[in-house]
């Protein structure tokens, strides 16, 4: 194993001189057994009833985002429909080393947004990437 790492380090140094070390380093790490990184991303489209201004919308979206951030170790942001006061889009991402845990967390985030009840979920989408 240490011989393999030495060869990989030499290859990285070689390629660093060619200006490609970042890509090769990532590639080598990706192929080491047991060193997987699981990335989960999700998007929720919301319909906001009874909202008549962007200021009201921002308050609701910000509340949902803060509740998700406080409940889960996730990056969360408004990602679309910025100019519509009746619609909002929230995106989030999670990183871990176990796919079933990431999948479960995504489900819990969707459920939490629904339970909060500040807006109607009209669409959800997610992707899980193994890196």
Protein backbone atom coordinates (compact mmCIF):
# COMPACT_ATOMS: atom_id res chain seq x y z
CA UNK A 1 0.00 0.00 0.00
CA UNK A 2 2.73 2.52 0.91
CA UNK A 3 4.51 1.69 -2.35
CA UNK A 4 1.31 2.54 -4.23
CA UNK A 5 1.03 5.88 -2.38
CA UNK A 6 4.67 6.70 -3.12
CA UNK A 7 4.09 6.01 -6.81
CA UNK A 8 0.93 8.13 -6.74
CA UNK A 9 2.76 10.99 -5.01
CA UNK A 10 5.53 10.83 -7.61
CA UNK A 11 2.90 10.86 -10.39
CA UNK A 12 1.21 13.89 -8.79
CA UNK A 13 4.54 15.75 -8.58
CA UNK A 14 5.28 14.87 -12.20
CA UNK A 15 1.92 16.13 -13.37
CA UNK A 16 2.11 19.22 -11.15
CA UNK A 17 5.02 20.38 -13.25
CA UNK A 18 2.76 19.94 -16.30
CA UNK A 19 0.02 22.07 -14.66
CA UNK A 20 -2.54 19.28 -14.18
CA UNK A 21 -1.96 18.23 -10.57
CA UNK A 22 -5.39 19.20 -9.27
CA UNK A 23 -7.28 17.00 -11.71
CA UNK A 24 -4.93 14.04 -11.33
CA UNK A 25 -4.80 14.35 -7.54
CA UNK A 26 -8.60 14.29 -7.39
CA UNK A 27 -8.71 11.36 -9.77
CA UNK A 28 -6.22 9.32 -7.73
CA UNK A 29 -8.07 10.02 -4.47
CA UNK A 30 -11.35 9.09 -6.11
CA UNK A 31 -10.08 5.63 -6.95
CA UNK A 32 -8.69 4.77 -3.51
CA UNK A 33 -10.85 2.05 -2.01
CA UNK A 34 -13.21 3.19 0.77
CA UNK A 35 -12.65 6.89 0.15
CA UNK A 36 -16.04 7.80 -1.28
CA UNK A 37 -17.70 11.14 -0.83
CA UNK A 38 -21.46 11.23 -1.28
CA UNK A 39 -23.01 14.53 -2.36
CA UNK A 40 -26.76 15.03 -2.17
CA UNK A 41 -28.43 18.00 -3.79
CA UNK A 42 -32.08 18.95 -3.78
CA UNK A 43 -34.43 21.61 -5.07
CA UNK A 44 -37.90 22.52 -3.87
CA UNK A 45 -40.36 24.70 -5.78
CA UNK A 46 -42.83 26.45 -3.51
CA UNK A 47 -46.12 28.25 -4.08
CA UNK A 48 -46.73 31.07 -1.62
CA UNK A 49 -50.43 31.77 -1.07
CA UNK A 50 -51.62 35.18 0.04
CA UNK A 51 -48.24 36.84 -0.55
CA UNK A 52 -48.50 40.20 -2.33
CA UNK A 53 -44.95 41.53 -2.26
CA UNK A 54 -41.37 40.39 -2.67
CA UNK A 55 -40.71 41.60 0.88
CA UNK A 56 -43.32 39.17 2.26
CA UNK A 57 -41.93 36.40 0.09
CA UNK A 58 -38.35 37.00 1.26
CA UNK A 59 -39.48 36.80 4.88
CA UNK A 60 -41.14 33.40 4.32
CA UNK A 61 -38.30 31.97 2.22
CA UNK A 62 -35.71 33.20 4.72
CA UNK A 63 -37.66 31.56 7.56
CA UNK A 64 -37.76 28.21 5.73
CA UNK A 65 -34.06 28.42 4.89
CA UNK A 66 -33.09 29.22 8.49
CA UNK A 67 -35.20 26.37 9.87
CA UNK A 68 -33.58 23.90 7.48
CA UNK A 69 -30.08 25.21 8.30
CA UNK A 70 -30.79 24.95 12.03
CA UNK A 71 -32.20 21.41 11.77
CA UNK A 72 -29.71 19.87 9.32
CA UNK A 73 -26.06 20.29 8.51
CA UNK A 74 -26.85 21.50 4.98
CA UNK A 75 -26.07 24.40 2.70
CA UNK A 76 -29.37 26.04 1.79
CA UNK A 77 -30.19 29.01 -0.45
CA UNK A 78 -32.91 30.57 -2.56
CA UNK A 79 -31.98 29.49 -6.08
CA UNK A 80 -34.75 30.67 -8.39
CA UNK A 81 -37.98 32.56 -8.97
CA UNK A 82 -36.39 35.62 -7.39
CA UNK A 83 -38.72 38.10 -9.09
CA UNK A 84 -41.98 36.27 -8.42
CA UNK A 85 -43.80 36.94 -5.16
CA UNK A 86 -46.05 33.88 -5.59
CA UNK A 87 -43.33 31.32 -6.19
CA UNK A 88 -40.00 30.40 -4.58
CA UNK A 89 -37.23 27.90 -5.18
CA UNK A 90 -34.88 26.62 -2.52
CA UNK A 91 -31.82 24.50 -3.18
CA UNK A 92 -29.69 22.57 -0.72
CA UNK A 93 -26.68 20.29 -0.60
CA UNK A 94 -25.32 17.73 1.83
CA UNK A 95 -22.02 15.88 1.93
CA UNK A 96 -21.17 12.65 3.73
CA UNK A 97 -19.71 9.20 3.31
CA UNK A 98 -22.85 7.04 3.45
CA UNK A 99 -25.42 7.11 0.65
CA UNK A 100 -28.33 5.86 2.75
CA UNK A 101 -27.71 8.58 5.34
CA UNK A 102 -27.64 11.30 2.67
CA UNK A 103 -30.80 9.89 1.06
CA UNK A 104 -32.55 9.86 4.44
CA UNK A 105 -31.49 13.44 5.17
CA UNK A 106 -32.86 14.61 1.80
CA UNK A 107 -36.21 12.98 2.61
CA UNK A 108 -36.22 14.61 6.04
CA UNK A 109 -35.52 18.03 4.54
CA UNK A 110 -38.42 17.65 2.10
CA UNK A 111 -40.67 16.54 4.96
CA UNK A 112 -39.56 19.42 7.19
CA UNK A 113 -40.36 21.99 4.50
CA UNK A 114 -43.80 20.43 4.07
CA UNK A 115 -44.46 20.30 7.83
CA UNK A 116 -43.38 23.92 8.35
CA UNK A 117 -46.47 24.81 6.31
CA UNK A 118 -45.42 28.31 5.27
CA UNK A 119 -45.67 27.44 1.58
CA UNK A 120 -47.07 24.69 -0.63
CA UNK A 121 -44.50 22.34 -2.17
CA UNK A 122 -45.35 22.00 -5.85
CA UNK A 123 -42.21 20.23 -7.06
CA UNK A 124 -39.14 18.53 -5.65
CA UNK A 125 -36.06 17.17 -7.29
CA UNK A 126 -32.86 15.62 -5.96
CA UNK A 127 -29.67 13.95 -7.07
CA UNK A 128 -27.12 11.86 -5.21
CA UNK A 129 -23.59 11.77 -6.59
CA UNK A 130 -20.86 9.36 -5.53
CA UNK A 131 -17.46 10.97 -5.95
